[in-house]
């Protein structure tokens, strides 16, 4: 039986989480079989998604006590992605969203004004992805984008992540969500998993 928002998020999103992990693009990403061009495009699309979400959260931190209490600057990933892309000689100003990325960004913008707590569910997905992403640090080195062991999008925190994640969990569980806001957060997480799966499908056909 679940009794807090983080347990609810984990249980309610489990099928979509597993589906996202089973995506063919994700399998290629973790196996290291992606061509460099496709890998760099992945970083670019993730930059655009993180920027949309993090910019929206930054606005909400100024008006929502719950968002302000949960979100911290160190959770933001834009800078790490920008540095990884710069190593690939890609300027973020020149990035173009794929169709699924554009749809997801538009959805994030709509949630900001209509269901703001849903964006905490989105952040649950992206910040939580750091649990497994550390395994991908070697890919950054393989493609010549950074030295293995240096800070990058997949492993920006080193051994600090566990503490950051526990802090996020405590703050989420301490937040005074209404029942409607709880549902919004859960639906936001589901939307992020579904949206990412569609982005990964687009990336499979990227050439």
N, C-alpha and C. Protein backbone atom coordinates (compact mmCIF):
# COMPACT_ATOMS: atom_id res chain seq x y z
N UNK A 1 0.85 -1.20 0.00
CA UNK A 1 0.00 0.00 0.00
C UNK A 1 0.89 1.25 0.00
N UNK A 2 0.60 2.19 -0.91
CA UNK A 2 1.41 3.40 -0.99
C UNK A 2 0.81 4.47 -0.09
N UNK A 3 1.66 5.27 0.52
CA UNK A 3 1.16 6.29 1.43
C UNK A 3 1.85 7.63 1.25
N UNK A 4 2.64 7.79 0.21
CA UNK A 4 3.24 9.10 -0.07
C UNK A 4 3.38 9.29 -1.57
N UNK A 5 3.61 10.51 -1.96
CA UNK A 5 3.59 10.84 -3.39
C UNK A 5 4.70 10.14 -4.16
N UNK A 6 5.86 9.97 -3.56
CA UNK A 6 6.96 9.31 -4.28
C UNK A 6 6.66 7.84 -4.52
N UNK A 7 6.06 7.17 -3.54
CA UNK A 7 5.65 5.78 -3.76
C UNK A 7 4.57 5.70 -4.83
N UNK A 8 3.64 6.64 -4.78
CA UNK A 8 2.58 6.67 -5.77
C UNK A 8 3.15 6.87 -7.18
N UNK A 9 4.09 7.77 -7.30
CA UNK A 9 4.72 8.01 -8.60
C UNK A 9 5.41 6.75 -9.12
N UNK A 10 6.14 6.10 -8.25
CA UNK A 10 6.85 4.89 -8.67
C UNK A 10 5.89 3.80 -9.13
N UNK A 11 4.85 3.57 -8.32
CA UNK A 11 3.92 2.48 -8.64
C UNK A 11 3.06 2.80 -9.86
N UNK A 12 2.57 4.02 -9.93
CA UNK A 12 1.67 4.39 -11.02
C UNK A 12 2.37 4.47 -12.37
N UNK A 13 3.67 4.77 -12.36
CA UNK A 13 4.38 4.95 -13.63
C UNK A 13 5.21 3.73 -14.02
N UNK A 14 5.19 2.69 -13.21
CA UNK A 14 6.05 1.53 -13.47
C UNK A 14 5.89 0.96 -14.89
N UNK A 15 4.65 0.73 -15.38
CA UNK A 15 4.52 0.18 -16.74
C UNK A 15 5.13 1.08 -17.81
N UNK A 16 4.91 2.39 -17.70
CA UNK A 16 5.47 3.31 -18.69
C UNK A 16 6.98 3.42 -18.55
N UNK A 17 7.47 3.36 -17.32
CA UNK A 17 8.92 3.36 -17.07
C UNK A 17 9.56 2.17 -17.78
N UNK A 18 8.97 1.00 -17.59
CA UNK A 18 9.52 -0.21 -18.22
C UNK A 18 9.43 -0.13 -19.74
N UNK A 19 8.33 0.43 -20.23
CA UNK A 19 8.15 0.56 -21.67
C UNK A 19 9.20 1.48 -22.27
N UNK A 20 9.50 2.57 -21.57
CA UNK A 20 10.52 3.51 -22.04
C UNK A 20 11.89 2.85 -22.06
N UNK A 21 12.20 2.10 -21.02
CA UNK A 21 13.50 1.42 -20.96
C UNK A 21 13.64 0.37 -22.05
N UNK A 22 12.51 -0.22 -22.46
CA UNK A 22 12.54 -1.26 -23.49
C UNK A 22 12.53 -0.71 -24.91
N UNK A 23 12.46 0.61 -25.02
CA UNK A 23 12.47 1.24 -26.35
C UNK A 23 13.76 0.86 -27.10
N UNK A 24 13.64 0.60 -28.38
CA UNK A 24 14.81 0.16 -29.17
C UNK A 24 15.93 1.20 -29.16
N UNK A 25 15.55 2.48 -29.14
CA UNK A 25 16.59 3.51 -29.10
C UNK A 25 17.37 3.43 -27.79
N UNK A 26 16.64 3.26 -26.69
CA UNK A 26 17.31 3.15 -25.39
C UNK A 26 18.25 1.95 -25.35
N UNK A 27 17.82 0.85 -25.92
CA UNK A 27 18.68 -0.33 -25.95
C UNK A 27 19.96 -0.05 -26.72
N UNK A 28 19.84 0.64 -27.84
CA UNK A 28 21.03 0.98 -28.63
C UNK A 28 21.91 1.97 -27.89
N UNK A 29 21.27 2.90 -27.18
CA UNK A 29 22.02 3.90 -26.41
C UNK A 29 22.87 3.22 -25.34
N UNK A 30 22.28 2.32 -24.60
CA UNK A 30 23.00 1.67 -23.51
C UNK A 30 24.02 0.65 -24.01
N UNK A 31 23.78 0.11 -25.20
CA UNK A 31 24.74 -0.85 -25.74
C UNK A 31 25.93 -0.17 -26.40
N UNK A 32 25.82 1.14 -26.62
CA UNK A 32 26.91 1.87 -27.26
C UNK A 32 26.97 1.69 -28.76
N UNK A 33 25.87 1.26 -29.36
CA UNK A 33 25.88 0.97 -30.80
C UNK A 33 25.36 2.12 -31.66
N UNK A 34 24.99 3.23 -31.05
CA UNK A 34 24.51 4.37 -31.83
C UNK A 34 25.65 5.03 -32.59
N UNK A 35 25.40 5.44 -33.83
CA UNK A 35 26.39 6.29 -34.52
C UNK A 35 26.54 7.61 -33.76
N UNK A 36 27.71 8.20 -33.84
CA UNK A 36 27.96 9.44 -33.08
C UNK A 36 26.94 10.51 -33.42
N UNK A 37 26.57 10.66 -34.69
CA UNK A 37 25.64 11.70 -35.11
C UNK A 37 24.29 11.53 -34.39
N UNK A 38 23.86 10.29 -34.28
CA UNK A 38 22.58 10.01 -33.62
C UNK A 38 22.67 10.26 -32.12
N UNK A 39 23.81 9.92 -31.53
CA UNK A 39 24.03 10.17 -30.11
C UNK A 39 24.00 11.67 -29.81
N UNK A 40 24.66 12.44 -30.65
CA UNK A 40 24.70 13.90 -30.45
C UNK A 40 23.30 14.49 -30.63
N UNK A 41 22.54 13.96 -31.59
CA UNK A 41 21.17 14.45 -31.78
C UNK A 41 20.32 14.15 -30.54
N UNK A 42 20.55 13.01 -29.94
CA UNK A 42 19.87 12.68 -28.69
C UNK A 42 20.17 13.72 -27.62
N UNK A 43 21.43 14.07 -27.46
CA UNK A 43 21.80 15.09 -26.48
C UNK A 43 21.10 16.41 -26.78
N UNK A 44 21.01 16.75 -28.06
CA UNK A 44 20.35 17.99 -28.45
C UNK A 44 18.87 18.00 -28.10
N UNK A 45 18.19 16.91 -28.38
CA UNK A 45 16.76 16.84 -28.06
C UNK A 45 16.54 16.87 -26.54
N UNK A 46 17.41 16.21 -25.80
CA UNK A 46 17.27 16.24 -24.35
C UNK A 46 17.54 17.64 -23.81
N UNK A 47 18.46 18.36 -24.42
CA UNK A 47 18.69 19.75 -24.01
C UNK A 47 17.41 20.57 -24.16
N UNK A 48 16.76 20.43 -25.31
CA UNK A 48 15.55 21.21 -25.57
C UNK A 48 14.44 20.86 -24.58
N UNK A 49 14.33 19.58 -24.24
CA UNK A 49 13.31 19.15 -23.28
C UNK A 49 13.62 19.67 -21.89
N UNK A 50 14.88 19.51 -21.46
CA UNK A 50 15.26 20.01 -20.14
C UNK A 50 15.08 21.52 -20.06
N UNK A 51 15.46 22.22 -21.10
CA UNK A 51 15.33 23.68 -21.08
C UNK A 51 13.87 24.09 -20.91
N UNK A 52 12.98 23.45 -21.66
CA UNK A 52 11.56 23.78 -21.55
C UNK A 52 11.05 23.53 -20.14
N UNK A 53 11.39 22.38 -19.57
CA UNK A 53 10.91 22.04 -18.24
C UNK A 53 11.55 22.93 -17.18
N UNK A 54 12.85 23.11 -17.26
CA UNK A 54 13.55 23.86 -16.22
C UNK A 54 13.20 25.35 -16.26
N UNK A 55 13.00 25.89 -17.46
CA UNK A 55 12.57 27.29 -17.56
C UNK A 55 11.18 27.45 -16.95
N UNK A 56 10.29 26.48 -17.21
CA UNK A 56 8.94 26.53 -16.64
C UNK A 56 8.99 26.41 -15.12
N UNK A 57 9.81 25.50 -14.61
CA UNK A 57 9.94 25.34 -13.16
C UNK A 57 10.51 26.59 -12.51
N UNK A 58 11.45 27.24 -13.18
CA UNK A 58 12.04 28.46 -12.63
C UNK A 58 10.97 29.55 -12.47
N UNK A 59 10.07 29.64 -13.45
CA UNK A 59 8.97 30.60 -13.33
C UNK A 59 8.05 30.23 -12.17
N UNK A 60 7.73 28.96 -12.06
CA UNK A 60 6.81 28.51 -11.01
C UNK A 60 7.41 28.66 -9.62
N UNK A 61 8.72 28.57 -9.51
CA UNK A 61 9.37 28.73 -8.20
C UNK A 61 9.09 30.11 -7.62
N UNK A 62 8.81 31.08 -8.49
CA UNK A 62 8.55 32.44 -8.02
C UNK A 62 7.10 32.64 -7.57
N UNK A 63 6.21 31.71 -7.95
CA UNK A 63 4.80 31.89 -7.63
C UNK A 63 4.19 30.74 -6.84
N UNK A 64 4.83 29.58 -6.83
CA UNK A 64 4.28 28.41 -6.14
C UNK A 64 5.18 28.00 -4.98
N UNK A 65 4.69 28.09 -3.76
CA UNK A 65 5.49 27.66 -2.60
C UNK A 65 5.89 26.19 -2.68
N UNK A 66 5.02 25.34 -3.23
CA UNK A 66 5.36 23.91 -3.32
C UNK A 66 6.52 23.70 -4.27
N UNK A 67 6.43 24.30 -5.44
CA UNK A 67 7.52 24.14 -6.42
C UNK A 67 8.81 24.74 -5.86
N UNK A 68 8.70 25.88 -5.22
CA UNK A 68 9.89 26.52 -4.63
C UNK A 68 10.54 25.64 -3.56
N UNK A 69 9.71 24.88 -2.84
CA UNK A 69 10.24 24.04 -1.77
C UNK A 69 10.89 22.76 -2.29
N UNK A 70 10.48 22.32 -3.47
CA UNK A 70 10.95 21.04 -4.02
C UNK A 70 12.13 21.19 -4.97
N UNK A 71 12.08 22.22 -5.80
CA UNK A 71 13.08 22.36 -6.87
C UNK A 71 14.29 23.16 -6.41
N UNK A 72 15.47 22.64 -6.69
CA UNK A 72 16.73 23.31 -6.36
C UNK A 72 17.55 23.47 -7.63
N UNK A 73 18.40 24.47 -7.65
CA UNK A 73 19.21 24.77 -8.83
C UNK A 73 20.03 23.57 -9.28
N UNK A 74 20.54 22.78 -8.33
CA UNK A 74 21.44 21.69 -8.73
C UNK A 74 20.72 20.60 -9.53
N UNK A 75 19.40 20.61 -9.54
CA UNK A 75 18.67 19.62 -10.32
C UNK A 75 18.70 19.94 -11.82
N UNK A 76 18.97 21.15 -12.16
CA UNK A 76 18.93 21.56 -13.56
C UNK A 76 20.07 20.94 -14.36
N UNK A 77 19.75 20.52 -15.58
CA UNK A 77 20.70 19.78 -16.42
C UNK A 77 21.15 20.54 -17.67
N UNK A 78 20.56 21.70 -17.92
CA UNK A 78 20.87 22.43 -19.16
C UNK A 78 22.37 22.66 -19.35
N UNK A 79 23.02 23.07 -18.29
CA UNK A 79 24.44 23.43 -18.40
C UNK A 79 25.29 22.22 -18.80
N UNK A 80 25.01 21.07 -18.20
CA UNK A 80 25.78 19.86 -18.53
C UNK A 80 25.57 19.46 -19.99
N UNK A 81 24.33 19.52 -20.44
CA UNK A 81 24.03 19.19 -21.83
C UNK A 81 24.68 20.19 -22.79
N UNK A 82 24.65 21.45 -22.41
CA UNK A 82 25.26 22.47 -23.25
C UNK A 82 26.76 22.23 -23.39
N UNK A 83 27.40 21.84 -22.31
CA UNK A 83 28.85 21.56 -22.35
C UNK A 83 29.15 20.32 -23.19
N UNK A 84 28.32 19.27 -23.04
CA UNK A 84 28.52 18.06 -23.85
C UNK A 84 28.32 18.35 -25.33
N UNK A 85 27.33 19.18 -25.63
CA UNK A 85 27.07 19.53 -27.03
C UNK A 85 28.18 20.42 -27.59
N UNK A 86 28.70 21.31 -26.76
CA UNK A 86 29.80 22.17 -27.21
C UNK A 86 31.02 21.33 -27.58
N UNK A 87 31.23 20.23 -26.82
CA UNK A 87 32.35 19.34 -27.13
C UNK A 87 32.15 18.66 -28.48
N UNK A 88 30.88 18.55 -28.90
CA UNK A 88 30.57 17.98 -30.21
C UNK A 88 30.44 19.07 -31.28
N UNK A 89 30.82 20.30 -30.89
CA UNK A 89 30.78 21.46 -31.79
C UNK A 89 29.35 21.77 -32.25
N UNK A 90 28.42 21.64 -31.31
CA UNK A 90 27.02 21.97 -31.58
C UNK A 90 26.63 23.14 -30.67
N UNK A 91 26.10 24.19 -31.26
CA UNK A 91 25.63 25.34 -30.51
C UNK A 91 24.14 25.16 -30.22
N UNK A 92 23.74 25.32 -28.96
CA UNK A 92 22.35 25.03 -28.60
C UNK A 92 21.37 25.96 -29.32
N UNK A 93 21.84 27.15 -29.70
CA UNK A 93 20.95 28.08 -30.40
C UNK A 93 20.54 27.55 -31.78
N UNK A 94 21.30 26.59 -32.29
CA UNK A 94 21.04 26.07 -33.62
C UNK A 94 20.23 24.76 -33.60
N UNK A 95 19.88 24.28 -32.41
CA UNK A 95 19.15 23.02 -32.32
C UNK A 95 17.72 23.17 -32.84
N UNK A 96 17.25 22.12 -33.47
CA UNK A 96 15.88 22.10 -33.97
C UNK A 96 15.16 20.89 -33.38
N UNK A 97 14.00 21.11 -32.78
CA UNK A 97 13.28 19.99 -32.17
C UNK A 97 12.70 19.04 -33.22
N UNK A 98 12.81 17.75 -32.95
CA UNK A 98 12.10 16.78 -33.77
C UNK A 98 10.61 16.91 -33.47
N UNK A 99 9.78 16.28 -34.29
CA UNK A 99 8.33 16.45 -34.14
C UNK A 99 7.85 16.08 -32.74
N UNK A 100 8.32 14.93 -32.21
CA UNK A 100 7.88 14.50 -30.88
C UNK A 100 8.41 15.42 -29.79
N UNK A 101 9.59 15.96 -29.98
CA UNK A 101 10.15 16.91 -29.02
C UNK A 101 9.32 18.18 -28.98
N UNK A 102 8.95 18.66 -30.16
CA UNK A 102 8.13 19.87 -30.25
C UNK A 102 6.79 19.66 -29.53
N UNK A 103 6.20 18.49 -29.72
CA UNK A 103 4.92 18.18 -29.06
C UNK A 103 5.08 18.15 -27.55
N UNK A 104 6.15 17.53 -27.08
CA UNK A 104 6.39 17.44 -25.64
C UNK A 104 6.64 18.81 -25.03
N UNK A 105 7.41 19.64 -25.70
CA UNK A 105 7.67 21.00 -25.22
C UNK A 105 6.38 21.80 -25.13
N UNK A 106 5.55 21.68 -26.15
CA UNK A 106 4.26 22.39 -26.15
C UNK A 106 3.40 21.92 -24.98
N UNK A 107 3.44 20.62 -24.70
CA UNK A 107 2.66 20.07 -23.59
C UNK A 107 3.18 20.61 -22.26
N UNK A 108 4.48 20.70 -22.10
CA UNK A 108 5.08 21.26 -20.88
C UNK A 108 4.60 22.70 -20.68
N UNK A 109 4.58 23.46 -21.74
CA UNK A 109 4.14 24.86 -21.65
C UNK A 109 2.68 24.96 -21.24
N UNK A 110 1.86 24.05 -21.75
CA UNK A 110 0.45 24.04 -21.37
C UNK A 110 0.27 23.65 -19.90
N UNK A 111 1.04 22.66 -19.46
CA UNK A 111 0.94 22.23 -18.06
C UNK A 111 1.34 23.35 -17.10
N UNK A 112 2.30 24.14 -17.49
CA UNK A 112 2.78 25.22 -16.62
C UNK A 112 1.62 26.14 -16.22
N UNK A 113 0.74 26.43 -17.13
CA UNK A 113 -0.36 27.35 -16.84
C UNK A 113 -1.62 26.66 -16.33
N UNK A 114 -1.82 25.40 -16.74
CA UNK A 114 -3.08 24.73 -16.40
C UNK A 114 -2.97 23.72 -15.25
N UNK A 115 -1.86 23.01 -15.17
CA UNK A 115 -1.66 21.99 -14.13
C UNK A 115 -0.20 22.02 -13.67
N UNK A 116 0.19 23.08 -13.00
CA UNK A 116 1.62 23.27 -12.68
C UNK A 116 2.26 22.14 -11.88
N UNK A 117 1.50 21.48 -11.02
CA UNK A 117 2.09 20.39 -10.23
C UNK A 117 2.49 19.21 -11.10
N UNK A 118 1.92 19.14 -12.30
CA UNK A 118 2.30 18.07 -13.23
C UNK A 118 3.78 18.17 -13.60
N UNK A 119 4.31 19.39 -13.56
CA UNK A 119 5.73 19.56 -13.92
C UNK A 119 6.65 18.96 -12.87
N UNK A 120 6.17 18.81 -11.64
CA UNK A 120 6.98 18.11 -10.64
C UNK A 120 7.04 16.62 -10.96
N UNK A 121 5.96 16.10 -11.56
CA UNK A 121 5.99 14.73 -12.04
C UNK A 121 6.96 14.56 -13.19
N UNK A 122 7.00 15.55 -14.06
CA UNK A 122 7.98 15.53 -15.17
C UNK A 122 9.40 15.53 -14.63
N UNK A 123 9.63 16.35 -13.61
CA UNK A 123 10.97 16.43 -13.02
C UNK A 123 11.33 15.13 -12.32
N UNK A 124 10.35 14.48 -11.71
CA UNK A 124 10.57 13.17 -11.09
C UNK A 124 11.18 12.20 -12.11
N UNK A 125 10.68 12.24 -13.33
CA UNK A 125 11.17 11.34 -14.38
C UNK A 125 12.59 11.71 -14.81
N UNK A 126 12.80 12.98 -15.12
CA UNK A 126 14.11 13.38 -15.65
C UNK A 126 15.21 13.35 -14.58
N UNK A 127 14.90 13.82 -13.40
CA UNK A 127 15.92 13.78 -12.34
C UNK A 127 16.18 12.35 -11.91
N UNK A 128 15.12 11.56 -11.85
CA UNK A 128 15.26 10.16 -11.46
C UNK A 128 16.04 9.34 -12.46
N UNK A 129 16.09 9.81 -13.71
CA UNK A 129 16.82 9.05 -14.74
C UNK A 129 18.31 8.98 -14.46
N UNK A 130 18.80 9.82 -13.54
CA UNK A 130 20.22 9.79 -13.21
C UNK A 130 20.63 8.48 -12.52
N UNK A 131 19.65 7.75 -12.00
CA UNK A 131 19.97 6.47 -11.35
C UNK A 131 20.69 5.53 -12.32
N UNK A 132 20.18 5.42 -13.53
CA UNK A 132 20.78 4.51 -14.49
C UNK A 132 21.71 5.18 -15.47
N UNK A 133 21.58 6.51 -15.59
CA UNK A 133 22.33 7.22 -16.61
C UNK A 133 23.84 7.20 -16.39
N UNK A 134 24.26 6.98 -15.15
CA UNK A 134 25.70 6.97 -14.85
C UNK A 134 26.43 5.94 -15.71
N UNK A 135 25.70 4.88 -16.06
CA UNK A 135 26.29 3.83 -16.90
C UNK A 135 26.65 4.35 -18.28
N UNK A 136 26.05 5.47 -18.67
CA UNK A 136 26.27 6.01 -20.01
C UNK A 136 27.45 6.98 -20.07
N UNK A 137 28.08 7.26 -18.95
CA UNK A 137 29.22 8.18 -18.95
C UNK A 137 30.32 7.71 -19.90
N UNK A 138 30.49 6.39 -19.97
CA UNK A 138 31.53 5.86 -20.85
C UNK A 138 31.25 6.16 -22.32
N UNK A 139 29.95 6.38 -22.65
CA UNK A 139 29.62 6.71 -24.03
C UNK A 139 30.13 8.10 -24.38
N UNK A 140 30.05 9.02 -23.41
CA UNK A 140 30.58 10.37 -23.63
C UNK A 140 32.06 10.29 -24.01
N UNK A 141 32.80 9.45 -23.27
CA UNK A 141 34.22 9.29 -23.56
C UNK A 141 34.43 8.59 -24.89
N UNK A 142 33.63 7.57 -25.16
CA UNK A 142 33.75 6.81 -26.41
C UNK A 142 33.62 7.70 -27.63
N UNK A 143 32.68 8.64 -27.58
CA UNK A 143 32.45 9.51 -28.72
C UNK A 143 33.37 10.73 -28.73
N UNK A 144 34.30 10.76 -27.77
CA UNK A 144 35.28 11.84 -27.74
C UNK A 144 34.72 13.17 -27.28
N UNK A 145 33.66 13.14 -26.47
CA UNK A 145 33.02 14.38 -26.04
C UNK A 145 33.47 14.84 -24.66
N UNK A 146 34.10 13.95 -23.90
CA UNK A 146 34.59 14.30 -22.57
C UNK A 146 35.49 13.19 -22.07
N UNK A 147 36.26 13.50 -21.07
CA UNK A 147 37.10 12.47 -20.46
C UNK A 147 36.25 11.62 -19.53
N UNK A 148 36.48 10.33 -19.54
CA UNK A 148 35.74 9.44 -18.66
C UNK A 148 35.99 9.84 -17.21
N UNK A 149 34.90 9.94 -16.46
CA UNK A 149 35.01 10.34 -15.06
C UNK A 149 34.77 11.81 -14.83
N UNK A 150 34.74 12.62 -15.90
CA UNK A 150 34.47 14.04 -15.74
C UNK A 150 32.97 14.27 -15.68
N UNK A 151 32.55 15.42 -15.16
CA UNK A 151 31.13 15.73 -15.06
C UNK A 151 30.52 15.82 -16.46
N UNK A 152 29.37 15.23 -16.62
CA UNK A 152 28.64 15.31 -17.89
C UNK A 152 27.17 15.05 -17.61
N UNK A 153 26.34 15.13 -18.65
CA UNK A 153 24.90 14.99 -18.46
C UNK A 153 24.53 13.68 -17.78
N UNK A 154 25.25 12.62 -18.07
CA UNK A 154 24.89 11.30 -17.53
C UNK A 154 25.37 11.10 -16.10
N UNK A 155 26.40 11.80 -15.71
CA UNK A 155 26.92 11.66 -14.34
C UNK A 155 27.42 13.01 -13.84
N UNK A 156 26.49 13.95 -13.63
CA UNK A 156 26.93 15.30 -13.24
C UNK A 156 27.30 15.44 -11.77
N UNK A 157 26.87 14.49 -10.94
CA UNK A 157 27.00 14.67 -9.50
C UNK A 157 28.01 13.75 -8.82
N UNK A 158 28.46 12.72 -9.52
CA UNK A 158 29.34 11.77 -8.86
C UNK A 158 28.63 11.10 -7.71
N UNK A 159 29.32 10.98 -6.57
CA UNK A 159 28.71 10.29 -5.42
C UNK A 159 27.73 11.16 -4.65
N UNK A 160 27.44 12.37 -5.14
CA UNK A 160 26.49 13.24 -4.45
C UNK A 160 25.04 12.95 -4.84
N UNK A 161 24.84 12.19 -5.93
CA UNK A 161 23.47 12.03 -6.43
C UNK A 161 22.55 11.37 -5.42
N UNK A 162 23.02 10.36 -4.72
CA UNK A 162 22.17 9.67 -3.76
C UNK A 162 21.59 10.64 -2.74
N UNK A 163 22.42 11.54 -2.24
CA UNK A 163 21.96 12.54 -1.28
C UNK A 163 20.97 13.50 -1.90
N UNK A 164 21.25 13.92 -3.14
CA UNK A 164 20.33 14.83 -3.83
C UNK A 164 18.97 14.17 -4.05
N UNK A 165 18.99 12.89 -4.43
CA UNK A 165 17.74 12.19 -4.68
C UNK A 165 16.94 12.01 -3.38
N UNK A 166 17.61 11.67 -2.29
CA UNK A 166 16.93 11.54 -1.02
C UNK A 166 16.31 12.86 -0.59
N UNK A 167 17.02 13.94 -0.84
CA UNK A 167 16.51 15.28 -0.51
C UNK A 167 15.26 15.59 -1.34
N UNK A 168 15.30 15.23 -2.62
CA UNK A 168 14.14 15.43 -3.50
C UNK A 168 12.94 14.63 -2.99
N UNK A 169 13.18 13.39 -2.61
CA UNK A 169 12.11 12.53 -2.11
C UNK A 169 11.48 13.12 -0.85
N UNK A 170 12.30 13.55 0.08
CA UNK A 170 11.80 14.12 1.33
C UNK A 170 10.95 15.36 1.05
N UNK A 171 11.43 16.21 0.18
CA UNK A 171 10.70 17.45 -0.12
C UNK A 171 9.38 17.16 -0.83
N UNK A 172 9.39 16.21 -1.77
CA UNK A 172 8.15 15.84 -2.45
C UNK A 172 7.15 15.25 -1.45
N UNK A 173 7.61 14.38 -0.58
CA UNK A 173 6.71 13.74 0.37
C UNK A 173 6.22 14.70 1.45
N UNK A 174 6.96 15.77 1.66
CA UNK A 174 6.56 16.76 2.66
C UNK A 174 5.64 17.84 2.10
N UNK A 175 5.58 17.94 0.78
CA UNK A 175 4.77 18.98 0.13
C UNK A 175 3.29 18.73 0.40
N UNK A 176 2.57 19.79 0.60
CA UNK A 176 1.13 19.70 0.91
C UNK A 176 0.31 19.70 -0.39
N UNK A 177 0.37 18.59 -1.11
CA UNK A 177 -0.41 18.46 -2.33
C UNK A 177 -1.88 18.19 -2.01
N UNK A 178 -2.77 18.81 -2.77
CA UNK A 178 -4.17 18.40 -2.72
C UNK A 178 -4.31 17.09 -3.50
N UNK A 179 -5.45 16.43 -3.36
CA UNK A 179 -5.65 15.18 -4.12
C UNK A 179 -5.56 15.44 -5.62
N UNK A 180 -6.10 16.56 -6.05
CA UNK A 180 -6.02 16.91 -7.48
C UNK A 180 -4.59 17.14 -7.91
N UNK A 181 -3.81 17.82 -7.08
CA UNK A 181 -2.41 18.08 -7.41
C UNK A 181 -1.60 16.79 -7.43
N UNK A 182 -1.92 15.86 -6.53
CA UNK A 182 -1.25 14.55 -6.57
C UNK A 182 -1.49 13.86 -7.91
N UNK A 183 -2.75 13.87 -8.34
CA UNK A 183 -3.10 13.25 -9.62
C UNK A 183 -2.39 13.96 -10.78
N UNK A 184 -2.31 15.28 -10.69
CA UNK A 184 -1.62 16.05 -11.74
C UNK A 184 -0.15 15.65 -11.81
N UNK A 185 0.50 15.52 -10.65
CA UNK A 185 1.91 15.14 -10.63
C UNK A 185 2.12 13.76 -11.24
N UNK A 186 1.24 12.83 -10.89
CA UNK A 186 1.35 11.47 -11.42
C UNK A 186 1.11 11.47 -12.93
N UNK A 187 0.10 12.22 -13.38
CA UNK A 187 -0.16 12.29 -14.82
C UNK A 187 0.97 12.99 -15.56
N UNK A 188 1.59 13.98 -14.90
CA UNK A 188 2.73 14.65 -15.52
C UNK A 188 3.89 13.69 -15.73
N UNK A 189 4.14 12.83 -14.75
CA UNK A 189 5.21 11.82 -14.88
C UNK A 189 4.89 10.85 -16.01
N UNK A 190 3.64 10.42 -16.06
CA UNK A 190 3.22 9.51 -17.14
C UNK A 190 3.40 10.17 -18.50
N UNK A 191 3.02 11.44 -18.59
CA UNK A 191 3.16 12.17 -19.85
C UNK A 191 4.62 12.28 -20.27
N UNK A 192 5.50 12.47 -19.30
CA UNK A 192 6.92 12.59 -19.62
C UNK A 192 7.47 11.26 -20.14
N UNK A 193 7.13 10.17 -19.48
CA UNK A 193 7.57 8.86 -19.97
C UNK A 193 7.04 8.61 -21.39
N UNK A 194 5.77 8.88 -21.61
CA UNK A 194 5.17 8.66 -22.93
C UNK A 194 5.81 9.57 -23.97
N UNK A 195 6.02 10.83 -23.60
CA UNK A 195 6.63 11.78 -24.52
C UNK A 195 8.04 11.40 -24.89
N UNK A 196 8.81 10.95 -23.91
CA UNK A 196 10.19 10.53 -24.19
C UNK A 196 10.22 9.32 -25.11
N UNK A 197 9.30 8.38 -24.92
CA UNK A 197 9.26 7.21 -25.80
C UNK A 197 9.05 7.64 -27.25
N UNK A 198 8.20 8.64 -27.45
CA UNK A 198 7.95 9.13 -28.81
C UNK A 198 9.17 9.86 -29.37
N UNK A 199 9.86 10.59 -28.51
CA UNK A 199 11.10 11.26 -28.95
C UNK A 199 12.12 10.20 -29.35
N UNK A 200 12.24 9.14 -28.55
CA UNK A 200 13.19 8.08 -28.88
C UNK A 200 12.83 7.40 -30.20
N UNK A 201 11.53 7.24 -30.46
CA UNK A 201 11.11 6.67 -31.74
C UNK A 201 11.53 7.58 -32.89
N UNK A 202 11.38 8.88 -32.72
CA UNK A 202 11.83 9.83 -33.75
C UNK A 202 13.33 9.75 -33.96
N UNK A 203 14.06 9.59 -32.87
CA UNK A 203 15.52 9.51 -32.96
C UNK A 203 15.97 8.25 -33.70
N UNK A 204 15.19 7.18 -33.61
CA UNK A 204 15.54 5.96 -34.33
C UNK A 204 15.57 6.19 -35.84
N UNK A 205 14.70 7.07 -36.31
CA UNK A 205 14.62 7.32 -37.75
C UNK A 205 15.44 8.54 -38.17
N UNK A 206 16.15 9.14 -37.18
CA UNK A 206 16.97 10.30 -37.51
C UNK A 206 18.16 9.89 -38.35
N UNK A 207 18.41 10.63 -39.39
CA UNK A 207 19.56 10.36 -40.26
C UNK A 207 20.24 11.66 -40.64
